[in-house]
Protein backbone atom coordinates (compact mmCIF):
# COMPACT_ATOMS: atom_id res chain seq x y z
CA MET A 1 31.16 11.65 -63.90
CA THR A 2 28.90 12.68 -66.77
CA THR A 3 27.68 9.90 -69.04
CA ILE A 4 26.18 10.41 -72.45
CA ALA A 5 23.88 7.76 -73.86
CA PRO A 6 24.42 6.66 -77.46
CA ALA A 7 22.23 8.47 -79.95
CA ALA A 8 21.11 7.89 -83.48
CA PRO A 9 22.79 9.90 -86.25
CA GLY A 10 21.51 13.48 -86.37
CA ILE A 11 20.11 13.34 -82.82
CA ARG A 12 22.05 14.93 -79.99
CA PRO A 13 22.27 12.80 -76.82
CA ARG A 14 21.14 14.20 -73.50
CA ILE A 15 23.29 14.45 -70.40
CA ALA A 16 22.01 11.85 -67.96
CA GLY A 17 20.06 12.59 -64.80
CA LEU A 18 20.07 16.10 -63.41
CA THR A 19 23.77 16.71 -64.05
CA ALA A 20 23.13 19.57 -66.48
CA GLU A 21 20.68 21.29 -64.15
CA SER A 22 23.06 21.07 -61.17
CA VAL A 23 25.92 22.52 -63.25
CA PHE A 24 23.86 25.51 -64.37
CA VAL A 25 22.41 26.10 -60.89
CA THR A 26 25.97 26.25 -59.52
CA ARG A 27 27.03 28.57 -62.34
CA SER A 28 24.13 30.96 -61.71
CA LEU A 29 24.71 31.00 -57.95
CA ARG A 30 28.35 31.93 -58.50
CA HIS A 31 27.31 34.76 -60.79
CA SER A 32 24.81 35.94 -58.16
CA LEU A 33 27.52 36.07 -55.48
CA ARG A 34 29.70 38.14 -57.80
CA ASP A 35 26.83 40.48 -58.65
CA GLY A 36 26.08 41.74 -55.16
CA GLU A 37 24.60 44.98 -56.51
CA SER A 38 21.61 43.22 -58.08
CA LEU A 39 20.86 41.34 -54.87
CA SER A 40 21.19 44.46 -52.72
CA MET A 41 18.93 46.45 -55.05
CA SER A 42 16.35 43.65 -55.00
CA ILE A 43 16.23 44.13 -51.23
CA MET A 44 16.69 47.88 -50.96
CA LEU A 45 13.97 48.92 -53.44
CA PRO A 46 11.11 46.99 -51.74
CA VAL A 47 12.31 48.12 -48.31
CA MET A 48 12.38 51.76 -49.47
CA LEU A 49 8.88 51.41 -50.94
CA MET A 50 7.62 49.87 -47.72
CA LEU A 51 9.08 52.69 -45.65
CA LEU A 52 7.68 55.24 -48.11
CA PHE A 53 4.16 53.85 -48.06
CA THR A 54 4.21 53.22 -44.30
CA PHE A 55 5.59 56.54 -43.04
CA VAL A 56 4.75 58.97 -45.86
CA PHE A 57 1.40 57.74 -47.27
CA GLY A 58 0.31 55.40 -44.49
CA GLY A 59 -1.02 58.09 -42.18
CA ALA A 60 -3.30 59.46 -44.88
CA ILE A 61 -4.52 56.02 -45.98
CA ASP A 62 -4.98 54.56 -42.49
CA PRO A 63 -4.75 57.12 -39.65
CA SER A 64 -4.87 54.30 -37.09
CA GLY A 65 -1.29 53.37 -37.96
CA GLY A 66 -2.13 49.84 -39.09
CA TYR A 67 -1.36 50.37 -42.76
CA VAL A 68 1.93 48.46 -42.50
CA ASP A 69 -0.07 45.26 -41.84
CA TYR A 70 -2.01 45.84 -45.04
CA VAL A 71 0.87 46.78 -47.33
CA VAL A 72 3.49 44.14 -46.44
CA PRO A 73 1.99 41.29 -48.56
CA GLY A 74 2.10 43.54 -51.62
CA ILE A 75 5.67 44.61 -50.84
CA ILE A 76 6.66 40.94 -50.64
CA LEU A 77 5.43 40.37 -54.20
CA LEU A 78 7.19 43.54 -55.37
CA CYS A 79 10.38 42.17 -53.82
CA ALA A 80 9.89 38.91 -55.73
CA GLY A 81 9.29 40.83 -58.95
CA PHE A 82 12.39 43.01 -58.59
CA GLY A 83 14.55 39.96 -57.92
CA ALA A 84 13.07 37.89 -60.73
CA ALA A 85 13.48 40.73 -63.23
CA HIS A 86 17.25 40.32 -63.05
CA THR A 87 16.83 36.82 -64.47
CA ALA A 88 15.64 38.26 -67.78
CA VAL A 89 18.72 40.49 -67.93
CA TYR A 90 21.05 37.59 -67.08
CA VAL A 91 19.53 35.31 -69.73
CA ALA A 92 19.56 38.07 -72.37
CA GLY A 93 23.17 38.82 -71.45
CA ASP A 94 24.09 35.17 -71.98
CA MET A 95 22.37 35.24 -75.35
CA GLN A 96 24.18 38.39 -76.41
CA ALA A 97 27.57 37.14 -75.19
CA GLY A 98 27.23 33.99 -77.27
CA ILE A 99 27.60 31.53 -74.40
CA ILE A 100 24.16 30.05 -75.18
CA ASP A 101 25.40 29.25 -78.69
CA ARG A 102 28.11 27.18 -77.05
CA PHE A 103 25.58 25.44 -74.80
CA ARG A 104 23.35 24.62 -77.76
CA THR A 105 26.14 22.55 -79.33
CA MET A 106 26.22 20.37 -76.23
CA PRO A 107 23.86 17.48 -75.36
CA LEU A 108 21.64 19.54 -73.05
CA ARG A 109 17.95 19.51 -72.33
CA ALA A 110 16.35 22.77 -73.39
CA SER A 111 15.20 23.36 -69.81
CA ALA A 112 18.63 22.97 -68.17
CA VAL A 113 19.99 26.46 -68.90
CA LEU A 114 16.78 28.16 -67.78
CA THR A 115 16.50 25.94 -64.71
CA GLY A 116 19.91 27.11 -63.52
CA HIS A 117 18.87 30.74 -63.70
CA VAL A 118 15.46 30.06 -62.17
CA VAL A 119 16.65 28.04 -59.16
CA SER A 120 19.35 30.60 -58.43
CA SER A 121 16.78 33.40 -58.63
CA LEU A 122 14.39 31.47 -56.37
CA LEU A 123 17.06 31.18 -53.67
CA ARG A 124 18.03 34.85 -54.02
CA ASN A 125 14.43 35.97 -53.82
CA LEU A 126 13.62 33.87 -50.78
CA LEU A 127 16.61 35.43 -49.03
CA ALA A 128 15.52 38.92 -50.07
CA THR A 129 11.94 38.22 -48.96
CA GLY A 130 13.19 37.12 -45.54
CA VAL A 131 15.10 40.38 -45.15
CA VAL A 132 12.07 42.44 -46.21
CA ILE A 133 9.83 40.63 -43.71
CA GLY A 134 12.43 41.21 -41.01
CA VAL A 135 12.47 44.97 -41.72
CA ALA A 136 8.65 44.96 -41.78
CA LEU A 137 8.60 43.44 -38.28
CA LEU A 138 10.94 46.19 -37.11
CA VAL A 139 8.62 48.94 -38.40
CA GLY A 140 5.48 47.49 -36.86
CA PHE A 141 4.25 44.58 -38.97
CA ARG A 142 2.36 42.24 -36.64
CA PRO A 143 1.09 39.08 -38.38
CA THR A 144 -1.31 36.82 -36.51
CA ALA A 145 -0.37 33.64 -38.37
CA GLY A 146 0.65 30.44 -36.66
CA LEU A 147 3.07 27.86 -38.01
CA TRP A 148 0.71 26.54 -40.69
CA GLY A 149 -0.23 30.05 -41.77
CA TRP A 150 3.43 30.96 -42.25
CA MET A 151 4.12 27.72 -44.11
CA GLY A 152 1.16 28.31 -46.41
CA ALA A 153 2.21 31.91 -47.08
CA ILE A 154 5.82 30.90 -47.79
CA GLY A 155 4.57 28.15 -50.11
CA ILE A 156 2.48 30.60 -52.16
CA ILE A 157 5.33 33.13 -52.23
CA ALA A 158 7.78 30.46 -53.43
CA LEU A 159 5.33 29.27 -56.10
CA TYR A 160 4.82 32.86 -57.30
CA ILE A 161 8.58 33.46 -57.40
CA LEU A 162 9.07 30.26 -59.40
CA ALA A 163 6.36 31.19 -61.89
CA ILE A 164 7.40 34.78 -62.46
CA THR A 165 11.09 33.86 -62.64
CA TYR A 166 10.43 31.33 -65.41
CA LEU A 167 8.43 34.04 -67.17
CA PHE A 168 11.32 36.49 -66.91
CA ALA A 169 13.75 33.82 -68.10
CA ALA A 170 11.62 33.28 -71.21
CA ILE A 171 11.49 37.04 -71.74
CA GLY A 172 15.29 37.08 -71.57
CA LEU A 173 15.40 34.49 -74.36
CA ALA A 174 12.91 36.44 -76.47
CA ALA A 175 14.56 39.85 -76.00
CA LYS A 176 17.28 40.98 -78.37
CA SER A 177 19.37 42.64 -75.67
CA PRO A 178 19.62 42.94 -71.87
CA GLU A 179 18.23 46.47 -72.17
CA GLY A 180 15.20 45.18 -74.04
CA ALA A 181 14.68 42.43 -71.45
CA SER A 182 14.80 45.04 -68.68
CA GLY A 183 12.20 47.15 -70.49
CA TYR A 184 9.80 44.26 -70.97
CA GLY A 185 10.27 43.30 -67.34
CA PHE A 186 9.28 46.78 -66.19
CA ILE A 187 5.82 46.26 -67.68
CA ILE A 188 5.32 43.14 -65.55
CA LEU A 189 6.65 44.89 -62.44
CA PHE A 190 3.93 47.51 -62.87
CA ILE A 191 1.09 44.95 -62.48
CA PRO A 192 1.11 44.86 -58.62
CA TYR A 193 0.29 48.57 -58.57
CA LEU A 194 -3.02 47.72 -60.31
CA SER A 195 -4.02 45.24 -57.62
CA SER A 196 -5.01 45.25 -53.97
CA ALA A 197 -1.35 45.59 -52.94
CA PHE A 198 -1.61 49.17 -51.67
CA VAL A 199 -5.32 50.02 -51.45
CA PRO A 200 -8.54 47.96 -51.36
CA VAL A 201 -9.94 47.25 -54.81
CA GLU A 202 -13.33 48.74 -53.90
CA THR A 203 -11.74 52.19 -53.51
CA MET A 204 -10.72 52.25 -57.19
CA PRO A 205 -12.80 53.55 -60.10
CA SER A 206 -15.32 50.95 -61.30
CA TRP A 207 -13.53 50.30 -64.60
CA LEU A 208 -10.24 49.74 -62.76
CA GLN A 209 -11.85 47.43 -60.20
CA TRP A 210 -12.58 44.92 -62.96
CA ILE A 211 -8.91 44.93 -64.01
CA ALA A 212 -7.69 44.59 -60.43
CA ASP A 213 -10.10 41.75 -59.66
CA ASN A 214 -9.24 39.76 -62.80
CA GLN A 215 -5.47 39.83 -62.86
CA PRO A 216 -3.19 37.31 -61.10
CA VAL A 217 -1.56 39.48 -58.44
CA THR A 218 -4.72 40.39 -56.50
CA PRO A 219 -5.75 36.83 -55.47
CA ILE A 220 -2.11 35.99 -54.66
CA ILE A 221 -1.82 39.02 -52.39
CA GLU A 222 -5.18 38.35 -50.78
CA ALA A 223 -4.22 34.71 -50.13
CA ILE A 224 -0.95 35.77 -48.47
CA ARG A 225 -2.76 38.49 -46.51
CA SER A 226 -5.35 35.98 -45.31
CA LEU A 227 -2.72 33.45 -44.21
CA LEU A 228 -0.61 36.04 -42.38
CA MET A 229 -3.28 38.41 -41.03
CA GLY A 230 -6.37 36.22 -40.75
CA THR A 231 -8.49 38.16 -43.24
CA PRO A 232 -11.20 36.23 -45.16
CA MET A 233 -9.72 33.88 -47.75
CA ASP A 234 -12.85 33.39 -49.91
CA ASP A 235 -11.70 31.99 -53.27
CA SER A 236 -8.31 33.73 -53.25
CA GLY A 237 -6.41 30.61 -52.20
CA TRP A 238 -7.26 28.34 -55.12
CA LEU A 239 -7.22 31.25 -57.58
CA ALA A 240 -3.69 32.14 -56.45
CA ILE A 241 -2.50 28.58 -56.98
CA LEU A 242 -4.23 28.31 -60.38
CA TRP A 243 -2.70 31.59 -61.58
CA CYS A 244 0.81 30.59 -60.42
CA VAL A 245 0.62 27.11 -61.95
CA GLY A 246 -0.82 28.51 -65.19
CA ILE A 247 1.89 31.17 -65.51
CA LEU A 248 4.56 28.58 -64.71
CA ALA A 249 3.27 26.13 -67.32
CA VAL A 250 3.04 28.76 -70.06
CA ALA A 251 6.44 30.29 -69.22
CA PHE A 252 8.14 26.88 -69.08
CA ALA A 253 6.71 25.82 -72.43
CA TRP A 254 7.47 29.21 -74.03
CA GLY A 255 11.06 29.21 -72.73
CA ALA A 256 11.73 25.65 -73.93
CA TRP A 257 10.26 26.49 -77.34
CA LEU A 258 12.38 29.62 -77.65
CA PHE A 259 15.51 27.71 -76.72
CA ARG A 260 14.83 24.98 -79.28
CA ARG A 261 13.90 27.57 -81.92
CA LYS A 262 17.15 29.43 -81.41
CA ALA A 263 19.04 26.13 -81.47
CA ARG A 264 17.76 25.51 -85.00
CA SER A 265 18.60 29.01 -86.23
């Protein structure tokens, strides 16, 4: 049973506990089950890219046939990005349909609506990532990680998914339409291509190496690659965590501010 604490005049009360969050998580999961096309595309696109890079480009990049071991960590982040991008479209669709206007009249925390979308996306993306890793194993991916290596890699992947999903949710609030949210999301999805996801950074032009070395995706990929394949970690581990936490903090604050701003409009 939902209880609402008394509030002073002019101040909306907040729904107690985590009731609001649980309601919106359930709502978003139901929408995800009904929208099977988005989930299937979030899986199919990364799998197709992995097969493309492994069997079409892989022989030219690494004639030894070991390119699949190099490319899988980058494909995992692409999978997370494709799945998270749908969150922006869902949030923008809610805004355009007017349902958020209804929610804003209720005693909700600003974070509750976004949290529902984000948690649902996190679960979808973890499922999609598991499928992608399974296909990678079928086509020759051979990680050397033990239990702790896998747990560390999954932890970083989950943290990245959480951060980028909150970012996409905020973009969905800021966009004026689902189409606009999709367009802004495409820019973010392009970032992994300017990292060490598909080729070593040192093979890039010198001016591009600086960009690849100083953007968030490269240390995250290198940390996952190190945990799964035993490559040198160097400072990639703590940089990956710092980038994810920083993106999460900024996206959370931006999304809450946008929600409150629209509530006052």
